[in-house]
N, C-alpha and C. Protein backbone atom coordinates (compact mmCIF):
# COMPACT_ATOMS: atom_id res chain seq x y z
N UNK A 1 4.67 -1.93 -30.48
CA UNK A 1 5.92 -1.41 -29.99
C UNK A 1 5.74 0.07 -29.71
N UNK A 2 6.24 0.59 -28.56
CA UNK A 2 6.13 2.00 -28.27
C UNK A 2 6.88 2.83 -29.29
N UNK A 3 6.32 3.96 -29.64
CA UNK A 3 6.96 4.88 -30.57
C UNK A 3 6.91 6.27 -29.97
N UNK A 4 7.95 7.07 -30.20
CA UNK A 4 7.95 8.44 -29.75
C UNK A 4 7.29 9.27 -30.84
N UNK A 5 6.34 10.12 -30.45
CA UNK A 5 5.62 10.91 -31.44
C UNK A 5 6.31 12.23 -31.75
N UNK A 6 7.51 12.41 -31.25
CA UNK A 6 8.26 13.63 -31.54
C UNK A 6 8.05 14.70 -30.48
N UNK A 7 7.00 14.58 -29.70
CA UNK A 7 6.73 15.57 -28.66
C UNK A 7 7.11 15.05 -27.29
N UNK A 8 7.85 13.95 -27.25
CA UNK A 8 8.27 13.40 -25.99
C UNK A 8 7.29 12.38 -25.41
N UNK A 9 6.13 12.23 -26.03
CA UNK A 9 5.15 11.27 -25.53
C UNK A 9 5.33 9.94 -26.24
N UNK A 10 5.18 8.87 -25.49
CA UNK A 10 5.27 7.54 -26.06
C UNK A 10 3.88 7.12 -26.50
N UNK A 11 3.78 6.64 -27.72
CA UNK A 11 2.50 6.23 -28.29
C UNK A 11 2.58 4.75 -28.62
N UNK A 12 1.57 3.99 -28.23
CA UNK A 12 1.50 2.57 -28.61
C UNK A 12 0.63 2.50 -29.85
N UNK A 13 1.23 2.09 -30.93
CA UNK A 13 0.51 2.03 -32.21
C UNK A 13 0.06 0.61 -32.50
N UNK A 14 -0.99 0.50 -33.27
CA UNK A 14 -1.37 -0.79 -33.79
C UNK A 14 -2.51 -1.49 -33.09
N UNK A 15 -2.67 -1.37 -31.79
CA UNK A 15 -3.70 -2.14 -31.09
C UNK A 15 -5.07 -1.53 -31.20
N UNK A 16 -5.18 -0.23 -31.38
CA UNK A 16 -6.48 0.41 -31.33
C UNK A 16 -7.30 0.17 -32.57
N UNK A 17 -6.70 0.21 -33.73
CA UNK A 17 -7.43 -0.01 -34.97
C UNK A 17 -8.29 1.18 -35.36
N UNK A 18 -8.85 1.12 -36.56
CA UNK A 18 -9.67 2.22 -37.09
C UNK A 18 -10.93 2.44 -36.27
N UNK A 19 -11.59 1.36 -35.87
CA UNK A 19 -12.84 1.51 -35.10
C UNK A 19 -12.56 2.15 -33.75
N UNK A 20 -11.48 1.73 -33.10
CA UNK A 20 -11.13 2.31 -31.81
C UNK A 20 -10.75 3.77 -31.93
N UNK A 21 -10.02 4.11 -32.99
CA UNK A 21 -9.65 5.50 -33.21
C UNK A 21 -10.89 6.35 -33.44
N UNK A 22 -11.84 5.83 -34.19
CA UNK A 22 -13.09 6.56 -34.43
C UNK A 22 -13.84 6.78 -33.12
N UNK A 23 -13.82 5.78 -32.23
CA UNK A 23 -14.49 5.94 -30.94
C UNK A 23 -13.82 7.01 -30.10
N UNK A 24 -12.49 7.03 -30.11
CA UNK A 24 -11.78 8.06 -29.35
C UNK A 24 -12.07 9.45 -29.88
N UNK A 25 -12.15 9.58 -31.20
CA UNK A 25 -12.42 10.89 -31.80
C UNK A 25 -13.85 11.33 -31.57
N UNK A 26 -14.77 10.39 -31.38
CA UNK A 26 -16.17 10.73 -31.16
C UNK A 26 -16.46 11.08 -29.71
N UNK A 27 -15.48 10.94 -28.84
CA UNK A 27 -15.67 11.12 -27.41
C UNK A 27 -16.36 12.38 -26.94
N UNK A 28 -15.96 13.60 -27.35
CA UNK A 28 -16.57 14.80 -26.80
C UNK A 28 -18.08 14.89 -27.01
N UNK A 29 -18.59 14.48 -28.17
CA UNK A 29 -20.03 14.53 -28.40
C UNK A 29 -20.75 13.55 -27.49
N UNK A 30 -20.17 12.36 -27.31
CA UNK A 30 -20.76 11.37 -26.42
C UNK A 30 -20.74 11.87 -24.99
N UNK A 31 -19.65 12.54 -24.57
CA UNK A 31 -19.56 13.06 -23.22
C UNK A 31 -20.61 14.12 -22.97
N UNK A 32 -20.88 14.98 -23.95
CA UNK A 32 -21.90 16.01 -23.80
C UNK A 32 -23.27 15.38 -23.61
N UNK A 33 -23.57 14.34 -24.37
CA UNK A 33 -24.86 13.65 -24.23
C UNK A 33 -24.94 12.97 -22.86
N UNK A 34 -23.83 12.37 -22.41
CA UNK A 34 -23.81 11.68 -21.13
C UNK A 34 -24.00 12.67 -19.97
N UNK A 35 -23.48 13.89 -20.12
CA UNK A 35 -23.64 14.90 -19.08
C UNK A 35 -25.11 15.23 -18.86
N UNK A 36 -25.95 15.03 -19.88
CA UNK A 36 -27.37 15.35 -19.78
C UNK A 36 -28.17 14.22 -19.12
N UNK A 37 -27.56 13.05 -18.90
CA UNK A 37 -28.27 11.93 -18.28
C UNK A 37 -28.25 12.13 -16.76
N UNK A 38 -29.43 12.25 -16.14
CA UNK A 38 -29.47 12.46 -14.70
C UNK A 38 -29.08 11.19 -13.93
N UNK A 39 -28.43 11.40 -12.78
CA UNK A 39 -28.08 10.29 -11.91
C UNK A 39 -29.20 10.09 -10.89
N UNK A 40 -29.55 8.85 -10.62
CA UNK A 40 -30.56 8.61 -9.59
C UNK A 40 -29.99 8.89 -8.20
N UNK A 41 -30.86 9.13 -7.24
CA UNK A 41 -30.41 9.31 -5.86
C UNK A 41 -29.84 8.01 -5.31
N UNK A 42 -30.44 6.91 -5.69
CA UNK A 42 -29.97 5.60 -5.25
C UNK A 42 -29.39 4.85 -6.43
N UNK A 43 -30.01 3.71 -6.74
CA UNK A 43 -29.58 2.89 -7.85
C UNK A 43 -30.57 3.02 -9.00
N UNK A 44 -30.11 2.74 -10.21
CA UNK A 44 -31.01 2.66 -11.36
C UNK A 44 -31.79 1.36 -11.21
N UNK A 45 -33.12 1.46 -11.19
CA UNK A 45 -33.96 0.31 -10.88
C UNK A 45 -34.57 -0.37 -12.11
N UNK A 46 -34.66 0.33 -13.22
CA UNK A 46 -35.28 -0.22 -14.43
C UNK A 46 -34.50 0.26 -15.64
N UNK A 47 -34.88 -0.27 -16.81
CA UNK A 47 -34.29 0.17 -18.08
C UNK A 47 -32.76 0.25 -17.99
N UNK A 48 -32.16 -0.88 -17.65
CA UNK A 48 -30.71 -0.92 -17.48
C UNK A 48 -29.97 -0.67 -18.79
N UNK A 49 -30.55 -1.03 -19.93
CA UNK A 49 -29.92 -0.78 -21.22
C UNK A 49 -30.42 0.53 -21.78
N UNK A 50 -29.84 1.62 -21.30
CA UNK A 50 -30.17 2.97 -21.76
C UNK A 50 -28.96 3.85 -21.49
N UNK A 51 -28.92 5.05 -22.08
CA UNK A 51 -27.75 5.92 -21.88
C UNK A 51 -27.43 6.13 -20.40
N UNK A 52 -26.14 6.16 -20.12
CA UNK A 52 -25.63 6.32 -18.76
C UNK A 52 -25.02 7.70 -18.58
N UNK A 53 -24.86 8.13 -17.33
CA UNK A 53 -24.21 9.42 -17.09
C UNK A 53 -22.72 9.37 -17.44
N UNK A 54 -22.10 10.52 -17.44
CA UNK A 54 -20.68 10.61 -17.78
C UNK A 54 -19.77 10.07 -16.70
N UNK A 55 -20.27 9.97 -15.47
CA UNK A 55 -19.41 9.55 -14.38
C UNK A 55 -20.20 8.84 -13.30
N UNK A 56 -19.47 8.27 -12.37
CA UNK A 56 -20.01 7.67 -11.16
C UNK A 56 -19.31 8.36 -10.00
N UNK A 57 -20.01 9.18 -9.22
CA UNK A 57 -19.36 9.89 -8.12
C UNK A 57 -18.60 8.96 -7.17
N UNK A 58 -17.35 9.31 -6.92
CA UNK A 58 -16.50 8.52 -6.04
C UNK A 58 -15.64 7.51 -6.78
N UNK A 59 -15.96 7.26 -8.05
CA UNK A 59 -15.20 6.30 -8.86
C UNK A 59 -14.45 7.04 -9.95
N UNK A 60 -13.46 6.38 -10.51
CA UNK A 60 -12.77 6.90 -11.69
C UNK A 60 -13.44 6.30 -12.92
N UNK A 61 -13.95 7.15 -13.80
CA UNK A 61 -14.53 6.69 -15.05
C UNK A 61 -13.40 6.58 -16.07
N UNK A 62 -13.28 5.41 -16.70
CA UNK A 62 -12.15 5.18 -17.60
C UNK A 62 -12.62 4.89 -19.02
N UNK A 63 -11.77 5.25 -19.97
CA UNK A 63 -12.03 4.94 -21.37
C UNK A 63 -11.29 3.63 -21.72
N UNK A 64 -11.37 3.24 -22.97
CA UNK A 64 -10.78 1.97 -23.39
C UNK A 64 -9.26 1.95 -23.22
N UNK A 65 -8.61 3.04 -23.53
CA UNK A 65 -7.14 3.09 -23.40
C UNK A 65 -6.74 2.88 -21.95
N UNK A 66 -7.40 3.58 -21.05
CA UNK A 66 -7.08 3.46 -19.61
C UNK A 66 -7.46 2.07 -19.09
N UNK A 67 -8.61 1.55 -19.52
CA UNK A 67 -9.03 0.21 -19.08
C UNK A 67 -7.98 -0.82 -19.49
N UNK A 68 -7.52 -0.73 -20.71
CA UNK A 68 -6.51 -1.68 -21.20
C UNK A 68 -5.24 -1.59 -20.37
N UNK A 69 -4.79 -0.37 -20.10
CA UNK A 69 -3.57 -0.18 -19.31
C UNK A 69 -3.73 -0.79 -17.91
N UNK A 70 -4.87 -0.55 -17.29
CA UNK A 70 -5.12 -1.07 -15.95
C UNK A 70 -5.14 -2.60 -15.94
N UNK A 71 -5.80 -3.18 -16.92
CA UNK A 71 -5.91 -4.64 -16.98
C UNK A 71 -4.55 -5.27 -17.26
N UNK A 72 -3.83 -4.74 -18.24
CA UNK A 72 -2.54 -5.33 -18.61
C UNK A 72 -1.48 -5.16 -17.53
N UNK A 73 -1.56 -4.09 -16.76
CA UNK A 73 -0.56 -3.85 -15.71
C UNK A 73 -0.93 -4.53 -14.40
N UNK A 74 -2.14 -5.07 -14.31
CA UNK A 74 -2.59 -5.65 -13.05
C UNK A 74 -3.05 -4.59 -12.07
N UNK A 75 -3.25 -3.36 -12.54
CA UNK A 75 -3.66 -2.26 -11.68
C UNK A 75 -5.12 -2.32 -11.26
N UNK A 76 -5.90 -3.14 -11.92
CA UNK A 76 -7.31 -3.30 -11.55
C UNK A 76 -7.80 -4.67 -12.01
N UNK A 77 -8.64 -5.25 -11.22
CA UNK A 77 -9.26 -6.53 -11.56
C UNK A 77 -10.56 -6.25 -12.31
N UNK A 78 -10.70 -6.70 -13.55
CA UNK A 78 -11.95 -6.47 -14.29
C UNK A 78 -13.08 -7.35 -13.76
N UNK A 79 -14.21 -6.70 -13.43
CA UNK A 79 -15.39 -7.39 -12.92
C UNK A 79 -16.52 -7.21 -13.92
N UNK A 80 -16.90 -8.28 -14.57
CA UNK A 80 -18.00 -8.30 -15.53
C UNK A 80 -19.29 -8.52 -14.74
N UNK A 81 -20.28 -7.63 -14.91
CA UNK A 81 -21.53 -7.75 -14.16
C UNK A 81 -22.73 -7.99 -15.07
N UNK A 82 -22.48 -8.46 -16.28
CA UNK A 82 -23.55 -8.71 -17.24
C UNK A 82 -24.62 -9.61 -16.65
N UNK A 83 -25.87 -9.29 -16.92
CA UNK A 83 -27.03 -10.00 -16.39
C UNK A 83 -27.17 -11.39 -17.03
N UNK A 84 -27.61 -12.34 -16.20
CA UNK A 84 -27.89 -13.70 -16.66
C UNK A 84 -29.13 -14.22 -15.94
N UNK A 85 -29.81 -15.17 -16.55
CA UNK A 85 -30.90 -15.87 -15.90
C UNK A 85 -30.32 -17.07 -15.17
N UNK A 86 -31.09 -17.56 -14.19
CA UNK A 86 -30.68 -18.76 -13.45
C UNK A 86 -31.74 -19.84 -13.60
N UNK A 87 -31.33 -21.05 -13.40
CA UNK A 87 -32.25 -22.17 -13.37
C UNK A 87 -33.24 -21.96 -12.23
N UNK A 88 -34.46 -22.46 -12.39
CA UNK A 88 -35.46 -22.33 -11.32
C UNK A 88 -35.28 -23.37 -10.23
N UNK A 89 -34.34 -24.26 -10.36
CA UNK A 89 -34.05 -25.24 -9.31
C UNK A 89 -33.45 -24.52 -8.11
N UNK A 90 -33.69 -24.99 -6.90
CA UNK A 90 -33.09 -24.36 -5.72
C UNK A 90 -31.57 -24.31 -5.87
N UNK A 91 -31.02 -23.12 -5.69
CA UNK A 91 -29.57 -22.94 -5.87
C UNK A 91 -29.11 -23.20 -7.28
N UNK A 92 -30.04 -23.06 -8.23
CA UNK A 92 -29.78 -23.39 -9.63
C UNK A 92 -28.61 -22.65 -10.24
N UNK A 93 -28.02 -23.26 -11.26
CA UNK A 93 -26.87 -22.64 -11.93
C UNK A 93 -27.28 -21.49 -12.84
N UNK A 94 -26.31 -20.69 -13.23
CA UNK A 94 -26.52 -19.64 -14.22
C UNK A 94 -26.79 -20.31 -15.56
N UNK A 95 -27.68 -19.74 -16.34
CA UNK A 95 -27.96 -20.25 -17.68
C UNK A 95 -27.25 -19.37 -18.69
N UNK A 96 -26.24 -19.92 -19.34
CA UNK A 96 -25.45 -19.17 -20.32
C UNK A 96 -25.86 -19.67 -21.69
N UNK A 97 -26.77 -18.95 -22.39
CA UNK A 97 -27.30 -19.44 -23.66
C UNK A 97 -26.30 -19.44 -24.80
N UNK A 98 -25.30 -18.58 -24.72
CA UNK A 98 -24.28 -18.51 -25.77
C UNK A 98 -23.01 -17.94 -25.14
N UNK A 99 -21.87 -18.14 -25.78
CA UNK A 99 -20.63 -17.59 -25.22
C UNK A 99 -20.72 -16.06 -25.12
N UNK A 100 -20.24 -15.53 -24.02
CA UNK A 100 -20.22 -14.09 -23.83
C UNK A 100 -18.76 -13.64 -23.78
N UNK A 101 -18.33 -12.84 -24.78
CA UNK A 101 -16.94 -12.39 -24.77
C UNK A 101 -16.72 -11.32 -23.70
N UNK A 102 -15.67 -11.51 -22.92
CA UNK A 102 -15.35 -10.55 -21.87
C UNK A 102 -13.88 -10.19 -21.93
N UNK A 103 -13.51 -9.19 -21.17
CA UNK A 103 -12.11 -8.76 -21.07
C UNK A 103 -11.31 -9.90 -20.45
N UNK A 104 -10.16 -10.25 -21.03
CA UNK A 104 -9.36 -11.34 -20.46
C UNK A 104 -9.02 -11.09 -18.99
N UNK A 105 -9.13 -12.14 -18.20
CA UNK A 105 -8.83 -12.05 -16.78
C UNK A 105 -10.00 -11.58 -15.92
N UNK A 106 -11.15 -11.37 -16.55
CA UNK A 106 -12.32 -10.90 -15.81
C UNK A 106 -12.90 -11.97 -14.91
N UNK A 107 -13.57 -11.49 -13.87
CA UNK A 107 -14.39 -12.33 -13.02
C UNK A 107 -15.83 -11.91 -13.31
N UNK A 108 -16.67 -12.88 -13.68
CA UNK A 108 -18.06 -12.58 -14.04
C UNK A 108 -18.95 -12.83 -12.83
N UNK A 109 -19.49 -11.74 -12.30
CA UNK A 109 -20.44 -11.79 -11.19
C UNK A 109 -21.79 -11.29 -11.72
N UNK A 110 -22.58 -12.17 -12.32
CA UNK A 110 -23.84 -11.74 -12.93
C UNK A 110 -24.81 -11.12 -11.92
N UNK A 111 -25.56 -10.15 -12.41
CA UNK A 111 -26.72 -9.59 -11.72
C UNK A 111 -26.41 -8.75 -10.48
N UNK A 112 -25.15 -8.55 -10.14
CA UNK A 112 -24.83 -7.74 -8.96
C UNK A 112 -25.02 -6.25 -9.25
N UNK A 113 -25.39 -5.91 -10.48
CA UNK A 113 -25.68 -4.53 -10.84
C UNK A 113 -27.16 -4.24 -10.93
N UNK A 114 -28.01 -5.17 -10.52
CA UNK A 114 -29.43 -4.88 -10.48
C UNK A 114 -29.68 -3.77 -9.46
N UNK A 115 -30.77 -3.05 -9.61
CA UNK A 115 -31.08 -1.96 -8.70
C UNK A 115 -31.31 -2.40 -7.27
N UNK A 116 -31.94 -3.54 -7.10
CA UNK A 116 -32.19 -4.10 -5.77
C UNK A 116 -31.69 -5.54 -5.77
N UNK A 117 -30.85 -5.87 -4.79
CA UNK A 117 -30.31 -7.23 -4.70
C UNK A 117 -31.06 -8.03 -3.65
N UNK A 118 -31.26 -9.29 -3.95
CA UNK A 118 -31.78 -10.21 -2.94
C UNK A 118 -30.68 -10.40 -1.90
N UNK A 119 -31.01 -10.85 -0.70
CA UNK A 119 -29.96 -11.14 0.28
C UNK A 119 -28.91 -12.13 -0.26
N UNK A 120 -29.37 -13.10 -1.06
CA UNK A 120 -28.44 -14.06 -1.64
C UNK A 120 -27.44 -13.38 -2.56
N UNK A 121 -27.92 -12.49 -3.46
CA UNK A 121 -27.00 -11.80 -4.38
C UNK A 121 -26.11 -10.80 -3.66
N UNK A 122 -26.63 -10.15 -2.64
CA UNK A 122 -25.82 -9.22 -1.85
C UNK A 122 -24.67 -9.98 -1.20
N UNK A 123 -24.97 -11.13 -0.61
CA UNK A 123 -23.92 -11.95 0.00
C UNK A 123 -22.93 -12.47 -1.02
N UNK A 124 -23.43 -12.83 -2.20
CA UNK A 124 -22.60 -13.30 -3.32
C UNK A 124 -21.59 -12.22 -3.71
N UNK A 125 -22.06 -10.98 -3.87
CA UNK A 125 -21.18 -9.88 -4.23
C UNK A 125 -20.15 -9.63 -3.12
N UNK A 126 -20.62 -9.50 -1.90
CA UNK A 126 -19.72 -9.21 -0.78
C UNK A 126 -18.65 -10.28 -0.61
N UNK A 127 -19.05 -11.54 -0.62
CA UNK A 127 -18.08 -12.61 -0.40
C UNK A 127 -17.08 -12.71 -1.54
N UNK A 128 -17.54 -12.50 -2.77
CA UNK A 128 -16.61 -12.58 -3.90
C UNK A 128 -15.64 -11.40 -3.92
N UNK A 129 -16.11 -10.18 -3.62
CA UNK A 129 -15.19 -9.04 -3.58
C UNK A 129 -14.16 -9.23 -2.47
N UNK A 130 -14.61 -9.73 -1.34
CA UNK A 130 -13.68 -10.00 -0.22
C UNK A 130 -12.63 -11.02 -0.64
N UNK A 131 -13.09 -12.10 -1.28
CA UNK A 131 -12.17 -13.16 -1.73
C UNK A 131 -11.20 -12.65 -2.79
N UNK A 132 -11.73 -11.91 -3.77
CA UNK A 132 -10.90 -11.45 -4.89
C UNK A 132 -9.86 -10.41 -4.48
N UNK A 133 -10.18 -9.61 -3.48
CA UNK A 133 -9.26 -8.55 -3.05
C UNK A 133 -8.42 -8.98 -1.85
N UNK A 134 -8.71 -10.14 -1.28
CA UNK A 134 -8.01 -10.56 -0.07
C UNK A 134 -8.27 -9.59 1.07
N UNK A 135 -9.43 -8.92 1.03
CA UNK A 135 -9.79 -7.96 2.07
C UNK A 135 -9.17 -6.58 1.90
N UNK A 136 -8.43 -6.37 0.82
CA UNK A 136 -7.78 -5.08 0.56
C UNK A 136 -8.77 -4.12 -0.09
N UNK A 137 -9.31 -3.20 0.69
CA UNK A 137 -10.31 -2.24 0.19
C UNK A 137 -9.70 -1.22 -0.78
N UNK A 138 -8.38 -1.19 -0.90
CA UNK A 138 -7.71 -0.29 -1.84
C UNK A 138 -7.38 -0.94 -3.17
N UNK A 139 -7.72 -2.20 -3.34
CA UNK A 139 -7.46 -2.93 -4.60
C UNK A 139 -8.31 -2.35 -5.70
N UNK A 140 -7.73 -2.13 -6.88
CA UNK A 140 -8.47 -1.59 -8.01
C UNK A 140 -9.47 -2.59 -8.55
N UNK A 141 -10.73 -2.15 -8.68
CA UNK A 141 -11.81 -2.98 -9.22
C UNK A 141 -12.43 -2.25 -10.40
N UNK A 142 -12.34 -2.83 -11.57
CA UNK A 142 -12.84 -2.24 -12.81
C UNK A 142 -14.18 -2.88 -13.16
N UNK A 143 -15.29 -2.16 -12.92
CA UNK A 143 -16.62 -2.69 -13.19
C UNK A 143 -17.06 -2.35 -14.62
N UNK A 144 -17.64 -3.34 -15.29
CA UNK A 144 -18.13 -3.12 -16.65
C UNK A 144 -19.23 -4.11 -17.00
N UNK A 145 -20.01 -3.76 -18.00
CA UNK A 145 -20.94 -4.70 -18.65
C UNK A 145 -20.89 -4.39 -20.14
N UNK A 146 -21.89 -3.73 -20.68
CA UNK A 146 -21.91 -3.31 -22.08
C UNK A 146 -22.00 -1.79 -22.14
N UNK A 147 -21.88 -1.21 -23.32
CA UNK A 147 -22.11 0.22 -23.48
C UNK A 147 -23.59 0.49 -23.20
N UNK A 148 -23.87 1.67 -22.67
CA UNK A 148 -25.26 2.04 -22.33
C UNK A 148 -25.90 0.99 -21.43
N UNK A 149 -25.22 0.63 -20.37
CA UNK A 149 -25.72 -0.37 -19.42
C UNK A 149 -25.48 0.14 -18.00
N UNK A 150 -26.56 0.27 -17.25
CA UNK A 150 -26.49 0.76 -15.88
C UNK A 150 -26.02 -0.30 -14.89
N UNK A 151 -25.93 -1.54 -15.30
CA UNK A 151 -25.55 -2.60 -14.37
C UNK A 151 -24.16 -2.33 -13.75
N UNK A 152 -23.21 -1.90 -14.57
CA UNK A 152 -21.87 -1.64 -14.04
C UNK A 152 -21.85 -0.38 -13.17
N UNK A 153 -22.67 0.61 -13.51
CA UNK A 153 -22.78 1.83 -12.69
C UNK A 153 -23.30 1.46 -11.31
N UNK A 154 -24.38 0.68 -11.27
CA UNK A 154 -24.95 0.24 -9.99
C UNK A 154 -23.94 -0.59 -9.19
N UNK A 155 -23.26 -1.52 -9.83
CA UNK A 155 -22.31 -2.39 -9.13
C UNK A 155 -21.13 -1.59 -8.58
N UNK A 156 -20.63 -0.64 -9.37
CA UNK A 156 -19.55 0.22 -8.89
C UNK A 156 -19.99 1.05 -7.69
N UNK A 157 -21.18 1.60 -7.76
CA UNK A 157 -21.72 2.38 -6.64
C UNK A 157 -21.85 1.51 -5.40
N UNK A 158 -22.31 0.30 -5.58
CA UNK A 158 -22.47 -0.63 -4.46
C UNK A 158 -21.11 -0.94 -3.83
N UNK A 159 -20.08 -1.15 -4.65
CA UNK A 159 -18.73 -1.43 -4.12
C UNK A 159 -18.21 -0.23 -3.32
N UNK A 160 -18.47 0.98 -3.81
CA UNK A 160 -18.06 2.18 -3.06
C UNK A 160 -18.74 2.20 -1.70
N UNK A 161 -20.03 1.88 -1.67
CA UNK A 161 -20.77 1.89 -0.41
C UNK A 161 -20.28 0.79 0.54
N UNK A 162 -19.66 -0.25 -0.01
CA UNK A 162 -19.09 -1.32 0.82
C UNK A 162 -17.71 -0.95 1.34
N UNK A 163 -17.21 0.21 0.95
CA UNK A 163 -15.92 0.67 1.46
C UNK A 163 -14.74 0.46 0.54
N UNK A 164 -14.97 -0.01 -0.69
CA UNK A 164 -13.85 -0.14 -1.63
C UNK A 164 -13.48 1.25 -2.13
N UNK A 165 -12.21 1.57 -2.03
CA UNK A 165 -11.76 2.94 -2.31
C UNK A 165 -11.25 3.15 -3.73
N UNK A 166 -10.97 2.10 -4.45
CA UNK A 166 -10.41 2.26 -5.80
C UNK A 166 -11.33 1.58 -6.81
N UNK A 167 -12.49 2.20 -6.99
CA UNK A 167 -13.49 1.68 -7.92
C UNK A 167 -13.34 2.42 -9.25
N UNK A 168 -13.26 1.65 -10.32
CA UNK A 168 -13.14 2.21 -11.66
C UNK A 168 -14.35 1.74 -12.46
N UNK A 169 -14.91 2.66 -13.24
CA UNK A 169 -16.10 2.34 -14.04
C UNK A 169 -15.75 2.48 -15.51
N UNK A 170 -15.89 1.39 -16.25
CA UNK A 170 -15.61 1.37 -17.68
C UNK A 170 -16.96 1.45 -18.41
N UNK A 171 -17.37 2.65 -18.76
CA UNK A 171 -18.68 2.91 -19.37
C UNK A 171 -18.93 2.12 -20.64
N UNK A 172 -17.92 2.01 -21.50
CA UNK A 172 -18.10 1.36 -22.81
C UNK A 172 -18.07 -0.16 -22.71
N UNK A 173 -17.58 -0.69 -21.63
CA UNK A 173 -17.62 -2.11 -21.34
C UNK A 173 -17.11 -3.02 -22.44
N UNK A 174 -17.67 -4.22 -22.48
CA UNK A 174 -17.24 -5.24 -23.45
C UNK A 174 -17.42 -4.76 -24.88
N UNK A 175 -18.42 -3.90 -25.12
CA UNK A 175 -18.62 -3.36 -26.47
C UNK A 175 -17.43 -2.50 -26.90
N UNK A 176 -17.03 -1.58 -26.04
CA UNK A 176 -15.90 -0.70 -26.36
C UNK A 176 -14.61 -1.46 -26.52
N UNK A 177 -14.43 -2.46 -25.68
CA UNK A 177 -13.22 -3.30 -25.74
C UNK A 177 -13.15 -4.03 -27.09
N UNK A 178 -14.24 -4.66 -27.48
CA UNK A 178 -14.28 -5.41 -28.74
C UNK A 178 -14.16 -4.48 -29.95
N UNK A 179 -14.82 -3.32 -29.90
CA UNK A 179 -14.77 -2.38 -31.02
C UNK A 179 -13.36 -1.83 -31.23
N UNK A 180 -12.56 -1.82 -30.18
CA UNK A 180 -11.16 -1.37 -30.30
C UNK A 180 -10.27 -2.49 -30.83
N UNK A 181 -10.84 -3.67 -31.07
CA UNK A 181 -10.06 -4.78 -31.62
C UNK A 181 -9.20 -5.49 -30.58
N UNK A 182 -9.53 -5.33 -29.30
CA UNK A 182 -8.75 -5.97 -28.25
C UNK A 182 -9.21 -7.41 -28.05
N UNK A 183 -8.32 -8.27 -27.57
CA UNK A 183 -8.68 -9.68 -27.41
C UNK A 183 -9.72 -9.86 -26.31
N UNK A 184 -10.54 -10.90 -26.47
CA UNK A 184 -11.54 -11.26 -25.47
C UNK A 184 -11.40 -12.74 -25.15
N UNK A 185 -12.10 -13.15 -24.11
CA UNK A 185 -12.19 -14.57 -23.76
C UNK A 185 -13.65 -14.87 -23.44
N UNK A 186 -14.04 -16.12 -23.54
CA UNK A 186 -15.41 -16.50 -23.19
C UNK A 186 -15.55 -16.45 -21.67
N UNK A 187 -16.60 -15.75 -21.21
CA UNK A 187 -16.84 -15.60 -19.79
C UNK A 187 -17.47 -16.83 -19.17
N UNK A 188 -17.10 -17.10 -17.94
CA UNK A 188 -17.70 -18.18 -17.16
C UNK A 188 -18.14 -17.57 -15.83
N UNK A 189 -19.46 -17.49 -15.58
CA UNK A 189 -19.93 -16.86 -14.35
C UNK A 189 -19.55 -17.64 -13.09
N UNK A 190 -19.23 -16.90 -12.05
CA UNK A 190 -18.93 -17.52 -10.76
C UNK A 190 -20.24 -18.07 -10.19
N UNK A 191 -20.28 -19.35 -9.80
CA UNK A 191 -21.52 -19.90 -9.24
C UNK A 191 -21.94 -19.16 -7.98
N UNK A 192 -23.24 -19.07 -7.76
CA UNK A 192 -23.74 -18.38 -6.57
C UNK A 192 -23.51 -19.22 -5.32
N UNK A 193 -23.80 -20.50 -5.39
CA UNK A 193 -23.73 -21.35 -4.20
C UNK A 193 -22.32 -21.57 -3.69
N UNK A 194 -21.33 -21.57 -4.56
CA UNK A 194 -19.96 -21.87 -4.14
C UNK A 194 -19.01 -20.85 -4.75
N UNK A 195 -18.88 -19.66 -4.15
CA UNK A 195 -18.00 -18.62 -4.72
C UNK A 195 -16.54 -19.00 -4.78
């Protein structure tokens, strides 16, 4: 329930929890470390699970509080880009070895955050973003994977280059969401052959 903190600001209490509060308080030190991470000229091509920069040029970098507000208000569609393996069969399905908790309402487009996309994955990303936005390049798209994961940075950058104007990057991803005690759902990846 919203509460007034006495200074005229409305505060939503209860959902963040102790772990989420600790993450919010730790923010400035993490931001300083992130500022020291260099951005590649193009895409990050290797070592996707490593510290990420503080921002993605052209996108809005959001924290857990802002991500939650955007998702709950419908202001942005959460796009999970967590990496998955595929069957070696032609047009093979994604192999999901265990349930992957994601932000509720997310669309899981695996591997679209790799540094270099095959023509098949490039078409998969383009066709799904077109379908999900109804062609509206101003629709909010919230890209995420895990904390310290370049996959969402790469995918957000790729969406910007495709002409999407409202790209949001959630650096802490599914890790930050879960650590704040927010609800998750089991992710189901969108098939490549039939978007």
